[in-house]
N, C-alpha and C. Protein backbone atom coordinates (compact mmCIF):
# COMPACT_ATOMS: atom_id res chain seq x y z
N MET A 1 -12.22 -3.28 -41.82
CA MET A 1 -11.34 -2.67 -40.83
C MET A 1 -10.82 -3.73 -39.87
N PRO A 2 -9.56 -3.61 -39.45
CA PRO A 2 -9.03 -4.59 -38.51
C PRO A 2 -9.69 -4.47 -37.15
N ARG A 3 -9.88 -5.60 -36.50
CA ARG A 3 -10.44 -5.61 -35.16
C ARG A 3 -9.33 -5.92 -34.17
N THR A 4 -9.49 -5.41 -32.98
CA THR A 4 -8.52 -5.66 -31.93
C THR A 4 -8.97 -6.86 -31.11
N LEU A 5 -8.05 -7.77 -30.86
CA LEU A 5 -8.34 -8.94 -30.05
C LEU A 5 -8.60 -8.51 -28.61
N GLN A 6 -9.71 -8.96 -28.03
CA GLN A 6 -10.02 -8.70 -26.63
C GLN A 6 -10.29 -10.03 -25.95
N VAL A 7 -9.81 -10.14 -24.72
CA VAL A 7 -10.00 -11.37 -23.98
C VAL A 7 -10.87 -11.12 -22.76
N PRO A 8 -11.63 -12.12 -22.34
CA PRO A 8 -12.50 -11.96 -21.16
C PRO A 8 -11.70 -11.75 -19.87
N THR A 9 -12.36 -11.19 -18.85
CA THR A 9 -11.74 -10.91 -17.56
C THR A 9 -11.00 -12.12 -17.01
N GLN A 10 -11.63 -13.28 -17.04
CA GLN A 10 -10.99 -14.47 -16.47
C GLN A 10 -9.69 -14.80 -17.20
N VAL A 11 -9.68 -14.67 -18.51
CA VAL A 11 -8.47 -14.96 -19.28
C VAL A 11 -7.38 -13.91 -18.98
N LEU A 12 -7.78 -12.64 -18.87
CA LEU A 12 -6.81 -11.60 -18.49
C LEU A 12 -6.18 -11.94 -17.15
N SER A 13 -7.02 -12.29 -16.18
CA SER A 13 -6.53 -12.61 -14.84
C SER A 13 -5.62 -13.83 -14.85
N GLU A 14 -6.02 -14.87 -15.55
CA GLU A 14 -5.20 -16.08 -15.59
C GLU A 14 -3.86 -15.83 -16.28
N THR A 15 -3.87 -15.01 -17.32
CA THR A 15 -2.63 -14.66 -18.02
C THR A 15 -1.70 -13.88 -17.08
N PHE A 16 -2.27 -12.94 -16.34
CA PHE A 16 -1.52 -12.16 -15.35
C PHE A 16 -0.93 -13.08 -14.28
N LEU A 17 -1.75 -13.97 -13.74
CA LEU A 17 -1.29 -14.89 -12.69
C LEU A 17 -0.17 -15.80 -13.20
N GLN A 18 -0.31 -16.31 -14.41
CA GLN A 18 0.74 -17.17 -14.98
C GLN A 18 2.06 -16.41 -15.14
N ALA A 19 1.95 -15.14 -15.53
CA ALA A 19 3.15 -14.33 -15.74
C ALA A 19 3.88 -14.01 -14.43
N LEU A 20 3.20 -14.21 -13.30
CA LEU A 20 3.84 -13.98 -12.00
C LEU A 20 4.75 -15.14 -11.60
N ASN A 21 4.82 -16.14 -12.44
CA ASN A 21 5.85 -17.17 -12.37
C ASN A 21 5.97 -17.87 -11.02
N GLY A 22 4.82 -18.25 -10.46
CA GLY A 22 4.84 -19.03 -9.22
C GLY A 22 5.18 -18.25 -7.97
N ARG A 23 5.22 -16.93 -8.04
CA ARG A 23 5.57 -16.10 -6.87
C ARG A 23 4.34 -15.69 -6.07
N ILE A 24 3.23 -16.42 -6.23
CA ILE A 24 1.95 -16.06 -5.62
C ILE A 24 1.74 -16.88 -4.34
N LEU A 25 1.37 -16.19 -3.26
CA LEU A 25 0.96 -16.87 -2.03
C LEU A 25 -0.52 -17.23 -2.10
N LYS A 26 -1.32 -16.27 -2.55
CA LYS A 26 -2.76 -16.51 -2.74
C LYS A 26 -3.33 -15.41 -3.63
N HIS A 27 -4.53 -15.67 -4.19
CA HIS A 27 -5.19 -14.67 -5.03
C HIS A 27 -6.69 -14.88 -4.98
N SER A 28 -7.41 -13.84 -5.35
CA SER A 28 -8.87 -13.92 -5.44
C SER A 28 -9.25 -14.68 -6.71
N SER A 29 -10.52 -14.89 -6.91
CA SER A 29 -10.99 -15.61 -8.09
C SER A 29 -10.65 -14.84 -9.36
N PRO A 30 -10.16 -15.53 -10.39
CA PRO A 30 -9.85 -14.86 -11.66
C PRO A 30 -11.08 -14.27 -12.35
N THR A 31 -12.26 -14.61 -11.89
CA THR A 31 -13.47 -14.03 -12.49
C THR A 31 -13.84 -12.69 -11.86
N GLU A 32 -13.19 -12.34 -10.74
CA GLU A 32 -13.48 -11.09 -10.03
C GLU A 32 -12.61 -9.96 -10.54
N LYS A 33 -13.19 -8.76 -10.53
CA LYS A 33 -12.43 -7.57 -10.89
C LYS A 33 -12.66 -6.55 -9.80
N PRO A 34 -11.61 -6.02 -9.19
CA PRO A 34 -10.19 -6.24 -9.46
C PRO A 34 -9.71 -7.58 -8.90
N LEU A 35 -8.56 -7.99 -9.38
CA LEU A 35 -7.92 -9.22 -8.91
C LEU A 35 -6.99 -8.86 -7.76
N GLU A 36 -7.15 -9.54 -6.63
CA GLU A 36 -6.27 -9.32 -5.49
C GLU A 36 -5.27 -10.46 -5.43
N VAL A 37 -3.99 -10.08 -5.26
CA VAL A 37 -2.90 -11.05 -5.28
C VAL A 37 -1.94 -10.74 -4.15
N ASP A 38 -1.57 -11.78 -3.41
CA ASP A 38 -0.52 -11.67 -2.40
C ASP A 38 0.71 -12.39 -2.95
N LEU A 39 1.82 -11.67 -3.03
CA LEU A 39 3.05 -12.21 -3.60
C LEU A 39 4.06 -12.58 -2.51
N CYS A 40 4.99 -13.44 -2.87
CA CYS A 40 6.09 -13.84 -1.99
C CYS A 40 7.06 -12.66 -1.82
N PRO A 41 7.57 -12.46 -0.60
CA PRO A 41 8.59 -11.44 -0.41
C PRO A 41 9.82 -11.77 -1.27
N PRO A 42 10.59 -10.80 -1.69
CA PRO A 42 10.58 -9.39 -1.32
C PRO A 42 9.73 -8.53 -2.25
N LEU A 43 8.92 -9.13 -3.09
CA LEU A 43 8.07 -8.36 -4.00
C LEU A 43 7.04 -7.56 -3.23
N PRO A 44 6.47 -6.52 -3.86
CA PRO A 44 5.35 -5.83 -3.21
C PRO A 44 4.30 -6.88 -2.83
N PHE A 45 4.00 -6.96 -1.56
CA PHE A 45 3.26 -8.10 -1.03
C PHE A 45 1.79 -8.17 -1.44
N ARG A 46 1.04 -7.11 -1.22
CA ARG A 46 -0.42 -7.17 -1.43
C ARG A 46 -0.82 -6.24 -2.58
N LEU A 47 -1.27 -6.86 -3.67
CA LEU A 47 -1.64 -6.11 -4.87
C LEU A 47 -3.14 -6.14 -5.10
N ARG A 48 -3.64 -5.09 -5.72
CA ARG A 48 -5.00 -5.06 -6.26
C ARG A 48 -4.84 -4.62 -7.71
N ALA A 49 -5.06 -5.57 -8.63
CA ALA A 49 -4.81 -5.32 -10.04
C ALA A 49 -6.10 -5.11 -10.81
N TYR A 50 -6.21 -3.95 -11.43
CA TYR A 50 -7.31 -3.65 -12.35
C TYR A 50 -6.77 -3.96 -13.74
N LEU A 51 -7.28 -5.03 -14.33
CA LEU A 51 -6.77 -5.50 -15.62
C LEU A 51 -7.73 -5.13 -16.74
N TYR A 52 -7.16 -4.62 -17.84
CA TYR A 52 -7.94 -4.16 -18.98
C TYR A 52 -7.32 -4.66 -20.28
N ASN A 53 -8.15 -4.84 -21.28
CA ASN A 53 -7.65 -5.11 -22.63
C ASN A 53 -7.06 -3.82 -23.18
N ALA A 54 -5.86 -3.90 -23.72
CA ALA A 54 -5.26 -2.77 -24.42
C ALA A 54 -5.61 -2.93 -25.89
N THR A 55 -6.38 -2.01 -26.39
CA THR A 55 -6.87 -2.10 -27.77
C THR A 55 -6.26 -1.00 -28.62
N HIS A 56 -6.31 -1.20 -29.92
CA HIS A 56 -5.84 -0.18 -30.86
C HIS A 56 -6.82 -0.07 -32.02
N PRO A 57 -8.03 0.41 -31.70
CA PRO A 57 -9.04 0.54 -32.74
C PRO A 57 -8.67 1.62 -33.75
N PRO A 58 -9.11 1.47 -34.98
CA PRO A 58 -8.81 2.48 -35.99
C PRO A 58 -9.60 3.77 -35.75
N GLY A 59 -9.04 4.87 -36.20
CA GLY A 59 -9.75 6.15 -36.17
C GLY A 59 -9.64 6.87 -34.84
N GLY A 60 -9.57 8.19 -34.91
CA GLY A 60 -9.64 9.02 -33.74
C GLY A 60 -8.37 9.17 -32.92
N ARG A 61 -7.33 8.40 -33.20
CA ARG A 61 -6.08 8.52 -32.44
C ARG A 61 -4.89 8.25 -33.36
N THR A 62 -3.72 8.48 -32.82
CA THR A 62 -2.50 8.21 -33.57
C THR A 62 -2.49 6.75 -33.99
N ILE A 63 -2.07 6.48 -35.22
CA ILE A 63 -2.07 5.11 -35.74
C ILE A 63 -1.26 4.21 -34.82
N GLY A 64 -1.87 3.10 -34.43
CA GLY A 64 -1.21 2.11 -33.59
C GLY A 64 -1.24 2.39 -32.11
N GLU A 65 -1.63 3.60 -31.72
CA GLU A 65 -1.69 3.91 -30.30
C GLU A 65 -2.66 2.95 -29.62
N HIS A 66 -2.28 2.47 -28.45
CA HIS A 66 -3.11 1.54 -27.69
C HIS A 66 -3.77 2.29 -26.54
N LYS A 67 -4.92 1.79 -26.11
CA LYS A 67 -5.63 2.43 -25.01
C LYS A 67 -6.31 1.36 -24.16
N VAL A 68 -6.57 1.74 -22.92
CA VAL A 68 -7.48 0.99 -22.08
C VAL A 68 -8.60 1.94 -21.70
N GLN A 69 -9.73 1.38 -21.34
CA GLN A 69 -10.88 2.19 -20.93
C GLN A 69 -11.16 1.90 -19.47
N LEU A 70 -10.92 2.91 -18.62
CA LEU A 70 -11.07 2.74 -17.18
C LEU A 70 -12.54 2.69 -16.78
N ILE A 71 -12.93 1.55 -16.25
CA ILE A 71 -14.26 1.34 -15.67
C ILE A 71 -14.03 0.45 -14.45
N VAL A 72 -14.57 0.85 -13.31
CA VAL A 72 -14.43 0.01 -12.12
C VAL A 72 -15.76 -0.68 -11.84
N PRO A 73 -15.73 -1.79 -11.12
CA PRO A 73 -16.97 -2.53 -10.83
C PRO A 73 -18.02 -1.62 -10.19
N GLY A 74 -19.22 -1.71 -10.72
CA GLY A 74 -20.34 -0.93 -10.22
C GLY A 74 -20.47 0.45 -10.83
N GLN A 75 -19.46 0.91 -11.54
CA GLN A 75 -19.52 2.25 -12.15
C GLN A 75 -20.46 2.21 -13.34
N GLN A 76 -21.34 3.20 -13.43
CA GLN A 76 -22.31 3.30 -14.52
C GLN A 76 -21.98 4.51 -15.39
N ARG A 77 -22.52 4.51 -16.60
CA ARG A 77 -22.36 5.68 -17.49
C ARG A 77 -22.78 6.94 -16.75
N GLY A 78 -22.01 8.00 -16.91
CA GLY A 78 -22.32 9.26 -16.27
C GLY A 78 -21.78 9.37 -14.85
N GLN A 79 -21.27 8.29 -14.28
CA GLN A 79 -20.71 8.33 -12.93
C GLN A 79 -19.20 8.49 -12.97
N ARG A 80 -18.68 9.12 -11.95
CA ARG A 80 -17.24 9.22 -11.77
C ARG A 80 -16.85 8.19 -10.72
N ALA A 81 -15.58 7.75 -10.75
CA ALA A 81 -15.16 6.68 -9.84
C ALA A 81 -13.69 6.82 -9.48
N ASN A 82 -13.28 6.01 -8.52
CA ASN A 82 -11.89 5.91 -8.08
C ASN A 82 -11.53 4.45 -7.94
N PHE A 83 -10.23 4.17 -8.00
CA PHE A 83 -9.77 2.83 -7.70
C PHE A 83 -9.81 2.62 -6.19
N ASP A 84 -9.96 1.39 -5.77
CA ASP A 84 -10.03 1.04 -4.35
C ASP A 84 -8.60 0.88 -3.81
N HIS A 85 -8.19 1.83 -2.98
CA HIS A 85 -6.84 1.82 -2.40
C HIS A 85 -6.86 1.32 -0.95
N SER A 86 -7.91 0.65 -0.52
CA SER A 86 -8.06 0.24 0.87
C SER A 86 -7.21 -0.98 1.23
N ASP A 87 -7.18 -1.28 2.50
CA ASP A 87 -6.56 -2.48 3.06
C ASP A 87 -5.06 -2.57 2.80
N GLY A 88 -4.40 -1.46 2.58
CA GLY A 88 -2.96 -1.48 2.40
C GLY A 88 -2.48 -2.16 1.12
N ARG A 89 -3.36 -2.30 0.14
CA ARG A 89 -2.98 -2.95 -1.11
C ARG A 89 -2.38 -1.92 -2.07
N ILE A 90 -1.39 -2.35 -2.83
CA ILE A 90 -0.83 -1.53 -3.90
C ILE A 90 -1.72 -1.72 -5.11
N VAL A 91 -2.23 -0.62 -5.62
CA VAL A 91 -3.15 -0.67 -6.76
C VAL A 91 -2.37 -0.54 -8.06
N LEU A 92 -2.65 -1.46 -8.97
CA LEU A 92 -2.03 -1.45 -10.29
C LEU A 92 -3.10 -1.31 -11.35
N VAL A 93 -2.87 -0.44 -12.32
CA VAL A 93 -3.72 -0.33 -13.51
C VAL A 93 -2.90 -0.92 -14.64
N ILE A 94 -3.43 -2.03 -15.18
CA ILE A 94 -2.64 -2.81 -16.14
C ILE A 94 -3.45 -3.08 -17.40
N GLY A 95 -2.87 -2.76 -18.53
CA GLY A 95 -3.43 -3.16 -19.81
C GLY A 95 -2.69 -4.38 -20.32
N TYR A 96 -3.35 -5.15 -21.15
CA TYR A 96 -2.70 -6.32 -21.74
C TYR A 96 -2.99 -6.34 -23.23
N GLU A 97 -1.92 -6.42 -24.01
CA GLU A 97 -2.02 -6.51 -25.46
C GLU A 97 -1.79 -7.98 -25.82
N PRO A 98 -2.88 -8.77 -26.01
CA PRO A 98 -2.74 -10.21 -26.18
C PRO A 98 -2.05 -10.65 -27.47
N GLU A 99 -2.11 -9.84 -28.51
CA GLU A 99 -1.48 -10.23 -29.77
C GLU A 99 0.05 -10.27 -29.65
N LEU A 100 0.60 -9.46 -28.73
CA LEU A 100 2.05 -9.39 -28.53
C LEU A 100 2.49 -9.87 -27.15
N SER A 101 1.54 -10.24 -26.29
CA SER A 101 1.84 -10.68 -24.91
C SER A 101 2.58 -9.60 -24.12
N VAL A 102 2.11 -8.37 -24.22
CA VAL A 102 2.73 -7.24 -23.54
C VAL A 102 1.76 -6.66 -22.51
N PHE A 103 2.29 -6.46 -21.28
CA PHE A 103 1.54 -5.79 -20.23
C PHE A 103 1.98 -4.33 -20.18
N ILE A 104 1.03 -3.43 -19.88
CA ILE A 104 1.31 -2.01 -19.74
C ILE A 104 0.85 -1.59 -18.35
N LEU A 105 1.71 -0.92 -17.60
CA LEU A 105 1.38 -0.49 -16.25
C LEU A 105 1.39 1.03 -16.17
N TRP A 106 0.25 1.59 -15.79
CA TRP A 106 0.11 3.03 -15.58
C TRP A 106 0.15 3.31 -14.08
N ASP A 107 0.29 4.57 -13.70
CA ASP A 107 0.34 4.99 -12.30
C ASP A 107 -1.09 5.22 -11.80
N ALA A 108 -1.63 4.27 -11.05
CA ALA A 108 -3.02 4.33 -10.58
C ALA A 108 -3.31 5.58 -9.75
N GLY A 109 -2.30 6.08 -9.05
CA GLY A 109 -2.50 7.26 -8.21
C GLY A 109 -2.76 8.54 -8.97
N LEU A 110 -2.55 8.53 -10.27
CA LEU A 110 -2.80 9.72 -11.09
C LEU A 110 -4.21 9.73 -11.68
N TYR A 111 -4.98 8.70 -11.42
CA TYR A 111 -6.32 8.59 -11.99
C TYR A 111 -7.35 8.54 -10.87
N ASN A 112 -7.86 9.73 -10.54
CA ASN A 112 -8.85 9.87 -9.48
C ASN A 112 -10.09 10.56 -10.05
N ASN A 113 -11.23 10.19 -9.51
CA ASN A 113 -12.48 10.83 -9.91
C ASN A 113 -12.63 10.84 -11.42
N PHE A 114 -12.41 9.68 -12.04
CA PHE A 114 -12.43 9.59 -13.50
C PHE A 114 -13.82 9.22 -14.01
N PRO A 115 -14.16 9.71 -15.21
CA PRO A 115 -15.46 9.38 -15.79
C PRO A 115 -15.52 7.94 -16.28
N PHE A 116 -16.71 7.46 -16.47
CA PHE A 116 -16.95 6.12 -17.01
C PHE A 116 -16.23 5.98 -18.35
N SER A 117 -15.48 4.92 -18.50
CA SER A 117 -14.80 4.56 -19.75
C SER A 117 -13.73 5.58 -20.17
N ARG A 118 -13.06 6.16 -19.19
CA ARG A 118 -11.99 7.11 -19.50
C ARG A 118 -10.87 6.38 -20.23
N ASN A 119 -10.38 6.97 -21.30
CA ASN A 119 -9.28 6.40 -22.08
C ASN A 119 -7.93 6.77 -21.46
N VAL A 120 -7.03 5.79 -21.43
CA VAL A 120 -5.65 5.99 -21.02
C VAL A 120 -4.80 5.35 -22.11
N GLN A 121 -3.84 6.09 -22.63
CA GLN A 121 -3.12 5.65 -23.82
C GLN A 121 -1.66 5.30 -23.55
N VAL A 122 -1.12 4.58 -24.52
CA VAL A 122 0.31 4.30 -24.59
C VAL A 122 0.68 4.30 -26.07
N LYS A 123 1.86 4.82 -26.39
CA LYS A 123 2.29 4.88 -27.79
C LYS A 123 2.57 3.49 -28.34
N ALA A 124 2.31 3.34 -29.63
CA ALA A 124 2.56 2.06 -30.31
C ALA A 124 4.02 1.66 -30.19
N GLU A 125 4.94 2.61 -30.36
CA GLU A 125 6.36 2.25 -30.31
C GLU A 125 6.77 1.72 -28.94
N THR A 126 6.08 2.15 -27.88
CA THR A 126 6.36 1.62 -26.54
C THR A 126 5.99 0.15 -26.46
N ILE A 127 4.84 -0.19 -27.02
CA ILE A 127 4.38 -1.60 -27.04
C ILE A 127 5.36 -2.45 -27.85
N TYR A 128 5.72 -1.98 -29.04
CA TYR A 128 6.59 -2.77 -29.91
C TYR A 128 8.00 -2.91 -29.34
N LYS A 129 8.49 -1.87 -28.68
CA LYS A 129 9.81 -1.95 -28.05
C LYS A 129 9.78 -2.98 -26.92
N ALA A 130 8.71 -3.01 -26.13
CA ALA A 130 8.59 -4.00 -25.05
C ALA A 130 8.55 -5.41 -25.62
N TYR A 131 7.86 -5.57 -26.72
CA TYR A 131 7.79 -6.89 -27.37
C TYR A 131 9.18 -7.33 -27.86
N ALA A 132 9.90 -6.39 -28.44
CA ALA A 132 11.20 -6.72 -29.04
C ALA A 132 12.32 -6.85 -28.00
N SER A 133 12.32 -5.99 -26.98
CA SER A 133 13.45 -5.97 -26.06
C SER A 133 13.10 -6.38 -24.63
N GLY A 134 11.82 -6.60 -24.36
CA GLY A 134 11.42 -7.06 -23.03
C GLY A 134 10.81 -5.98 -22.16
N ILE A 135 11.30 -4.74 -22.27
CA ILE A 135 10.77 -3.67 -21.44
C ILE A 135 10.92 -2.34 -22.18
N ALA A 136 9.97 -1.44 -21.95
CA ALA A 136 10.02 -0.11 -22.55
C ALA A 136 9.36 0.87 -21.59
N LEU A 137 9.90 2.07 -21.54
CA LEU A 137 9.37 3.13 -20.67
C LEU A 137 8.91 4.29 -21.53
N GLN A 138 7.84 4.93 -21.09
CA GLN A 138 7.31 6.10 -21.80
C GLN A 138 6.93 7.15 -20.78
N ASP A 139 7.41 8.38 -20.97
CA ASP A 139 6.99 9.50 -20.14
C ASP A 139 5.75 10.14 -20.74
N ARG A 140 4.76 10.40 -19.89
CA ARG A 140 3.54 11.11 -20.32
C ARG A 140 3.34 12.31 -19.41
N ARG A 141 2.81 13.37 -19.96
CA ARG A 141 2.46 14.55 -19.17
C ARG A 141 0.96 14.53 -18.95
N LEU A 142 0.56 14.64 -17.68
CA LEU A 142 -0.85 14.66 -17.31
C LEU A 142 -1.11 15.83 -16.37
N TRP A 143 -1.93 16.76 -16.75
CA TRP A 143 -2.37 17.83 -15.86
C TRP A 143 -1.27 18.37 -14.97
N GLY A 144 -0.13 18.61 -15.53
CA GLY A 144 0.97 19.15 -14.76
C GLY A 144 1.82 18.09 -14.07
N ALA A 145 1.39 16.85 -14.08
CA ALA A 145 2.17 15.75 -13.49
C ALA A 145 2.85 14.97 -14.61
N ARG A 146 3.90 14.24 -14.24
CA ARG A 146 4.55 13.34 -15.18
C ARG A 146 4.21 11.92 -14.78
N GLU A 147 3.92 11.11 -15.76
CA GLU A 147 3.62 9.70 -15.52
C GLU A 147 4.63 8.85 -16.28
N LEU A 148 5.14 7.85 -15.59
CA LEU A 148 6.00 6.87 -16.24
C LEU A 148 5.12 5.66 -16.56
N VAL A 149 4.99 5.37 -17.85
CA VAL A 149 4.24 4.19 -18.30
C VAL A 149 5.27 3.10 -18.57
N ILE A 150 4.99 1.91 -18.07
CA ILE A 150 5.92 0.79 -18.20
C ILE A 150 5.26 -0.30 -19.03
N ALA A 151 5.91 -0.71 -20.09
CA ALA A 151 5.40 -1.81 -20.92
C ALA A 151 6.44 -2.94 -20.88
N VAL A 152 5.95 -4.17 -20.71
CA VAL A 152 6.86 -5.31 -20.62
C VAL A 152 6.28 -6.52 -21.32
N TYR A 153 7.19 -7.30 -21.88
CA TYR A 153 6.80 -8.61 -22.38
C TYR A 153 6.45 -9.46 -21.16
N LYS A 154 5.51 -10.37 -21.30
CA LYS A 154 4.94 -11.10 -20.16
C LYS A 154 5.97 -11.76 -19.25
N THR A 155 7.11 -12.17 -19.77
CA THR A 155 8.11 -12.84 -18.95
C THR A 155 8.81 -11.89 -17.97
N ARG A 156 8.59 -10.58 -18.12
CA ARG A 156 9.25 -9.59 -17.25
C ARG A 156 8.24 -8.84 -16.38
N LEU A 157 7.06 -9.43 -16.18
CA LEU A 157 6.02 -8.75 -15.40
C LEU A 157 6.46 -8.46 -13.97
N LEU A 158 7.11 -9.39 -13.31
CA LEU A 158 7.54 -9.16 -11.92
C LEU A 158 8.46 -7.94 -11.82
N GLU A 159 9.37 -7.82 -12.75
CA GLU A 159 10.27 -6.67 -12.80
C GLU A 159 9.47 -5.37 -12.98
N ALA A 160 8.47 -5.41 -13.83
CA ALA A 160 7.64 -4.23 -14.08
C ALA A 160 6.85 -3.82 -12.84
N ILE A 161 6.36 -4.78 -12.09
CA ILE A 161 5.62 -4.47 -10.86
C ILE A 161 6.53 -3.78 -9.85
N GLU A 162 7.75 -4.29 -9.71
CA GLU A 162 8.70 -3.64 -8.81
C GLU A 162 9.04 -2.22 -9.29
N LEU A 163 9.26 -2.06 -10.58
CA LEU A 163 9.56 -0.75 -11.15
C LEU A 163 8.39 0.22 -10.99
N ARG A 164 7.18 -0.26 -11.24
CA ARG A 164 5.98 0.57 -11.10
C ARG A 164 5.82 1.03 -9.66
N THR A 165 6.05 0.12 -8.71
CA THR A 165 5.92 0.46 -7.29
C THR A 165 6.94 1.52 -6.90
N ARG A 166 8.19 1.35 -7.33
CA ARG A 166 9.24 2.34 -7.03
C ARG A 166 8.95 3.69 -7.68
N ALA A 167 8.51 3.68 -8.94
CA ALA A 167 8.23 4.94 -9.64
C ALA A 167 7.07 5.69 -8.98
N THR A 168 6.06 4.96 -8.54
CA THR A 168 4.93 5.61 -7.87
C THR A 168 5.38 6.19 -6.54
N LEU A 169 6.16 5.44 -5.78
CA LEU A 169 6.68 5.95 -4.51
C LEU A 169 7.53 7.19 -4.73
N ASN A 170 8.39 7.17 -5.72
CA ASN A 170 9.21 8.35 -6.03
C ASN A 170 8.36 9.55 -6.38
N ARG A 171 7.28 9.34 -7.15
CA ARG A 171 6.38 10.46 -7.49
C ARG A 171 5.74 11.02 -6.22
N LEU A 172 5.31 10.15 -5.33
CA LEU A 172 4.68 10.61 -4.08
C LEU A 172 5.67 11.37 -3.21
N LEU A 173 6.91 10.92 -3.16
CA LEU A 173 7.92 11.62 -2.38
C LEU A 173 8.24 12.99 -2.97
N GLU A 174 8.24 13.09 -4.30
CA GLU A 174 8.47 14.39 -4.95
C GLU A 174 7.35 15.36 -4.63
N VAL A 175 6.11 14.89 -4.59
CA VAL A 175 4.96 15.73 -4.26
C VAL A 175 5.09 16.24 -2.84
N GLU A 176 5.52 15.38 -1.90
CA GLU A 176 5.70 15.79 -0.52
C GLU A 176 6.77 16.85 -0.38
N ARG A 177 7.84 16.75 -1.16
CA ARG A 177 8.95 17.72 -1.08
C ARG A 177 8.58 19.06 -1.68
N ALA A 178 7.62 19.06 -2.59
CA ALA A 178 7.27 20.30 -3.30
C ALA A 178 6.50 21.27 -2.41
């Protein structure tokens, strides 16, 4: 059976930092999870990035579908957890598909009180379209909410962060209006 390439936390972080193309003011250690990054204006200034390997193991899901498994530092089996939204940082949930150099950004605000190793998916065609054309968008339905999943080839990561931030803000504004 084919195996999915997985890279260590430090390599994920370093790949993410390199893809930010010199727009970094400062960042936490690449060995720490989550990775905190301060970017140069006008980009979203203070980020907290939860980076995960995007895998596509055989069996149990649509062929080629990729997933990340949400686990936050200190979370144990059987525990529920949340992402750390403190200190005014924008939280990003990001998968990385190293075989194609594609980042996937999900809406962190839609994942609260999640169980250990919760799966979050993206369609295979979204990954391949991002690889071929640079960027791809996928709409997902979650518990009555809509999520915009953004996949980008590594050279377009900054654009994806801006798009993810705008899409999340738009979702929050829609909730307030409802």
